[in-house]
Amino acid sequence: LDKKAAFDGVVSAAIDTNEVGSLLNSARYAEDMQVMLAHRNGTVFVSQPKTALAPGTNLAVGFSDMLSAANQPGNTGADSVVRSVDHQRLAVLRTVAPAGLSLDKPLRVLLVRDQSEVFAGWRSDIKNGALFFAFLCAIGVISLGVFERQRAQKIVATKRLKLATEASGVGIWEFDLVSKRYYWDDAMFAMFGLDPSRVSERTDDWQRLLSAQDLSRMREATRKTVREGHTFEMTF
């Protein structure tokens, strides 16, 4: 219209679908994502990739709920976003209506992804985590079984050794190099005539029963055993 409100002509603009298609394609961060630009009524006129909804297709096919919600009062602004799930697909619909651009009808931008593709990475992580946990559990069970079997074998071997030493009248003793303590079995205390409840914590009272010469030989033999690995063998 001119200044006198009379018809003055028509201004029209065309959208370069190739340029818009490249712009839409730049928003595709995943291979399975589909991006479409449509009229307010849902008619698609640009889509990426080529396998998405063909130009001329109406969004009412498959996305009718989203289109109806977007057309409700209050959902026509540039910031209105509607999320929906349709036929195992996740979709986001945005209304495009820039304030500085006079449009008789706003445009719609639709982004669609396959739900299975969206959760594929999560499912893979969960599966790998479950397999790793199961592997750790299996290793733990096997290790526990081996440990219990070895423990049972040691208990049996200890019992057999105890029965053998008791039957033969042989005593067994140990000397801890760290704590400097002797550990005797009952046969050792019986042979030396010592009361286990009355000896010192180091249980070396038996050394007082040795002569000075035997004590010296015993200590020398002990040093050679500890330092040089000689067999400890003495007769008192």
Protein backbone atom coordinates (compact mmCIF):
# COMPACT_ATOMS: atom_id res chain seq x y z
CA LEU A 1 0.00 0.00 0.00
CA ASP A 2 1.16 3.53 -0.71
CA LYS A 3 0.79 6.59 1.51
CA LYS A 4 -2.79 6.95 0.38
CA ALA A 5 -3.55 3.34 1.37
CA ALA A 6 -3.88 2.36 -2.24
CA PHE A 7 -2.49 -0.85 -3.67
CA ASP A 8 1.09 -0.20 -4.71
CA GLY A 9 2.39 -3.63 -5.67
CA VAL A 10 3.55 -6.97 -4.29
CA VAL A 11 6.94 -7.84 -2.73
CA SER A 12 7.88 -11.50 -2.80
CA ALA A 13 10.96 -13.45 -1.69
CA ALA A 14 12.13 -16.93 -2.60
CA ILE A 15 14.08 -19.25 -0.35
CA ASP A 16 17.10 -20.98 -1.82
CA THR A 17 16.37 -24.59 -0.82
CA ASN A 18 19.99 -25.61 -1.39
CA GLU A 19 21.28 -22.94 0.99
CA VAL A 20 18.59 -23.68 3.58
CA GLY A 21 19.27 -27.39 3.15
CA SER A 22 22.95 -26.84 3.93
CA LEU A 23 22.00 -24.81 7.01
CA LEU A 24 19.65 -27.53 8.23
CA ASN A 25 22.27 -30.20 7.54
CA SER A 26 24.74 -28.37 9.80
CA ALA A 27 22.37 -28.98 12.73
CA ARG A 28 22.55 -32.76 12.27
CA TYR A 29 25.01 -33.93 14.93
CA ALA A 30 24.16 -37.60 14.31
CA GLU A 31 23.82 -39.62 11.11
CA ASP A 32 20.31 -40.82 12.01
CA MET A 33 18.99 -37.29 12.70
CA GLN A 34 16.42 -35.79 10.30
CA VAL A 35 15.84 -32.03 10.07
CA MET A 36 12.88 -30.46 8.24
CA LEU A 37 11.61 -26.92 7.59
CA ALA A 38 7.84 -26.68 7.14
CA HIS A 39 5.01 -24.18 6.81
CA ARG A 40 2.79 -23.45 9.79
CA ASN A 41 0.22 -25.89 8.48
CA GLY A 42 2.84 -28.66 8.53
CA THR A 43 3.74 -28.89 4.84
CA VAL A 44 7.47 -29.71 4.47
CA PHE A 45 9.40 -27.81 1.81
CA VAL A 46 13.04 -28.47 2.80
CA SER A 47 14.46 -31.59 4.50
CA GLN A 48 17.82 -33.12 5.31
CA PRO A 49 18.96 -35.76 4.59
CA LYS A 50 17.20 -36.70 1.37
CA THR A 51 15.77 -39.79 3.07
CA ALA A 52 13.73 -37.60 5.47
CA LEU A 53 10.15 -36.53 4.75
CA ALA A 54 9.95 -35.44 1.12
CA PRO A 55 8.97 -31.83 0.27
CA GLY A 56 5.18 -31.53 0.09
CA THR A 57 4.64 -34.11 2.86
CA ASN A 58 2.52 -32.88 5.75
CA LEU A 59 3.74 -33.25 9.33
CA ALA A 60 0.24 -34.33 10.27
CA VAL A 61 1.40 -37.78 9.10
CA GLY A 62 3.17 -39.14 12.16
CA PHE A 63 3.49 -35.85 14.07
CA SER A 64 -0.10 -34.67 14.33
CA ASP A 65 -0.02 -34.35 18.13
CA MET A 66 3.05 -32.14 18.01
CA LEU A 67 1.62 -29.97 15.24
CA SER A 68 -1.66 -29.53 17.11
CA ALA A 69 0.13 -28.56 20.32
CA ALA A 70 2.36 -26.09 18.46
CA ASN A 71 -0.70 -24.41 16.93
CA GLN A 72 -2.30 -23.82 20.33
CA PRO A 73 -2.39 -20.24 21.65
CA GLY A 74 0.84 -19.41 23.43
CA ASN A 75 2.90 -21.81 21.31
CA THR A 76 3.39 -19.56 18.32
CA GLY A 77 6.39 -17.62 19.56
CA ALA A 78 9.99 -18.14 18.48
CA ASP A 79 10.84 -19.83 21.76
CA SER A 80 8.03 -22.37 21.84
CA VAL A 81 9.36 -25.90 21.82
CA VAL A 82 7.21 -29.03 21.94
CA ARG A 83 8.68 -32.45 22.69
CA SER A 84 6.95 -35.67 21.82
CA VAL A 85 7.58 -39.35 21.17
CA ASP A 86 5.95 -40.88 18.13
CA HIS A 87 6.44 -44.42 16.82
CA GLN A 88 9.71 -44.89 18.74
CA ARG A 89 11.05 -41.56 17.48
CA LEU A 90 12.10 -38.53 19.53
CA ALA A 91 11.16 -35.22 17.95
CA VAL A 92 11.55 -31.51 18.75
CA LEU A 93 9.37 -28.92 17.01
CA ARG A 94 10.26 -25.22 17.11
CA THR A 95 8.24 -22.32 15.80
CA VAL A 96 10.26 -19.74 13.84
CA ALA A 97 8.70 -16.25 13.83
CA PRO A 98 11.37 -13.50 14.09
CA ALA A 99 9.98 -10.24 15.41
CA GLY A 100 11.73 -8.18 12.74
CA LEU A 101 10.39 -10.27 9.88
CA SER A 102 6.75 -9.83 8.90
CA LEU A 103 5.40 -13.31 8.18
CA ASP A 104 1.72 -14.01 7.67
CA LYS A 105 2.42 -17.52 8.98
CA PRO A 106 5.38 -18.73 11.06
CA LEU A 107 7.64 -21.57 9.98
CA ARG A 108 8.28 -24.87 11.77
CA VAL A 109 11.62 -26.60 12.26
CA LEU A 110 11.40 -30.29 13.15
CA LEU A 111 14.31 -32.44 14.38
CA VAL A 112 13.73 -36.18 14.59
CA ARG A 113 15.89 -39.05 15.90
CA ASP A 114 15.29 -42.77 16.26
CA GLN A 115 14.82 -43.57 19.94
CA SER A 116 16.85 -46.77 19.57
CA GLU A 117 19.78 -44.77 18.17
CA VAL A 118 19.58 -42.19 20.97
CA PHE A 119 19.86 -44.86 23.65
CA ALA A 120 22.26 -47.13 21.75
CA GLY A 121 25.35 -45.66 23.42
CA TRP A 122 23.81 -45.91 26.89
CA ARG A 123 22.72 -49.48 26.29
CA SER A 124 26.21 -50.35 25.08
CA ASP A 125 27.78 -48.79 28.19
CA ILE A 126 25.35 -50.64 30.46
CA LYS A 127 25.99 -53.92 28.65
CA ASN A 128 29.77 -53.50 28.85
CA GLY A 129 29.54 -52.52 32.51
CA ALA A 130 27.37 -55.55 33.29
CA LEU A 131 29.76 -57.88 31.46
CA PHE A 132 32.74 -56.41 33.30
CA PHE A 133 30.95 -56.76 36.65
CA ALA A 134 30.02 -60.36 35.82
CA PHE A 135 33.65 -61.03 34.86
CA LEU A 136 34.86 -59.62 38.19
CA CYS A 137 32.28 -61.71 40.05
CA ALA A 138 33.41 -64.84 38.19
CA ILE A 139 37.06 -64.11 38.99
CA GLY A 140 36.13 -63.50 42.62
CA VAL A 141 34.19 -66.77 42.89
CA ILE A 142 37.01 -68.75 41.24
CA SER A 143 39.65 -67.09 43.46
CA LEU A 144 37.58 -67.74 46.57
CA GLY A 145 37.16 -71.37 45.54
CA VAL A 146 40.91 -71.80 45.01
CA PHE A 147 41.67 -70.09 48.33
CA GLU A 148 39.20 -72.26 50.24
CA ARG A 149 40.55 -75.40 48.60
CA GLN A 150 44.15 -74.47 49.47
CA ARG A 151 43.07 -73.55 53.01
CA ALA A 152 41.35 -76.90 53.43
CA GLN A 153 44.44 -78.70 52.12
CA LYS A 154 46.66 -76.81 54.58
CA ILE A 155 44.35 -77.68 57.48
CA VAL A 156 44.46 -81.36 56.51
CA ALA A 157 48.26 -81.25 56.11
CA THR A 158 48.62 -79.56 59.51
CA LYS A 159 46.46 -82.16 61.18
CA ARG A 160 48.42 -84.99 59.56
CA LEU A 161 51.73 -83.46 60.64
CA LYS A 162 50.43 -83.00 64.19
CA LEU A 163 49.29 -86.64 64.36
CA ALA A 164 52.64 -87.80 62.96
CA THR A 165 54.71 -85.76 65.39
CA GLU A 166 52.57 -86.78 68.34
CA ALA A 167 52.92 -90.43 67.41
CA SER A 168 56.70 -90.17 66.97
CA GLY A 169 57.32 -87.95 70.00
CA VAL A 170 58.91 -85.21 67.85
CA GLY A 171 58.43 -81.55 68.77
CA ILE A 172 58.05 -78.61 66.35
CA TRP A 173 59.13 -75.02 66.93
CA GLU A 174 59.32 -71.78 64.96
CA PHE A 175 61.37 -68.64 65.43
CA ASP A 176 59.96 -65.32 64.14
CA LEU A 177 62.84 -63.17 62.87
CA VAL A 178 60.76 -60.00 63.18
CA SER A 179 59.29 -60.36 66.67
CA LYS A 180 62.20 -62.52 67.92
CA ARG A 181 59.75 -64.95 69.45
CA TYR A 182 59.71 -68.73 69.60
CA TYR A 183 56.56 -70.69 68.95
CA TRP A 184 56.45 -74.25 70.29
CA ASP A 185 53.99 -77.07 70.08
CA ASP A 186 52.95 -79.04 73.17
CA ALA A 187 55.53 -81.75 72.51
CA MET A 188 58.40 -79.23 72.77
CA PHE A 189 57.22 -77.95 76.16
CA ALA A 190 56.81 -81.53 77.39
CA MET A 191 60.34 -82.53 76.29
CA PHE A 192 61.93 -79.53 78.01
CA GLY A 193 59.71 -79.86 81.06
CA LEU A 194 58.35 -76.32 80.84
CA ASP A 195 54.85 -75.11 81.70
CA PRO A 196 53.46 -73.07 78.71
CA SER A 197 51.43 -70.89 81.11
CA ARG A 198 54.48 -69.89 83.18
CA VAL A 199 57.17 -69.13 80.60
CA SER A 200 57.99 -65.63 79.30
CA GLU A 201 56.35 -64.09 76.21
CA ARG A 202 59.43 -64.84 74.15
CA THR A 203 59.32 -68.44 75.43
CA ASP A 204 63.10 -68.59 75.48
CA ASP A 205 63.26 -69.90 79.07
CA TRP A 206 64.47 -73.18 77.61
CA GLN A 207 67.83 -71.56 76.90
CA ARG A 208 68.48 -71.43 80.66
CA LEU A 209 68.46 -75.23 80.63
CA LEU A 210 71.49 -75.29 78.30
CA SER A 211 75.09 -75.27 79.40
CA ALA A 212 77.18 -72.25 78.44
CA GLN A 213 78.92 -74.27 75.71
CA ASP A 214 75.67 -75.58 74.21
CA LEU A 215 74.12 -72.09 74.36
CA SER A 216 77.09 -70.66 72.44
CA ARG A 217 76.87 -73.43 69.83
CA MET A 218 73.11 -72.92 69.50
CA ARG A 219 73.46 -69.18 68.90
CA GLU A 220 76.22 -69.67 66.33
CA ALA A 221 74.17 -72.32 64.52
CA THR A 222 71.17 -69.97 64.54
CA ARG A 223 73.22 -67.13 63.00
CA LYS A 224 74.49 -69.40 60.21
CA THR A 225 70.96 -70.60 59.53
CA VAL A 226 69.52 -67.07 59.34
CA ARG A 227 72.39 -65.40 57.47
CA GLU A 228 73.74 -68.21 55.30
CA GLY A 229 70.82 -70.59 55.02
CA HIS A 230 72.57 -73.52 56.73
CA THR A 231 70.47 -76.33 58.11
CA PHE A 232 70.00 -76.00 61.83
CA GLU A 233 71.03 -79.31 63.38
CA MET A 234 72.19 -79.69 66.98
CA THR A 235 72.36 -82.31 69.66
CA PHE A 236 72.25 -81.23 73.32
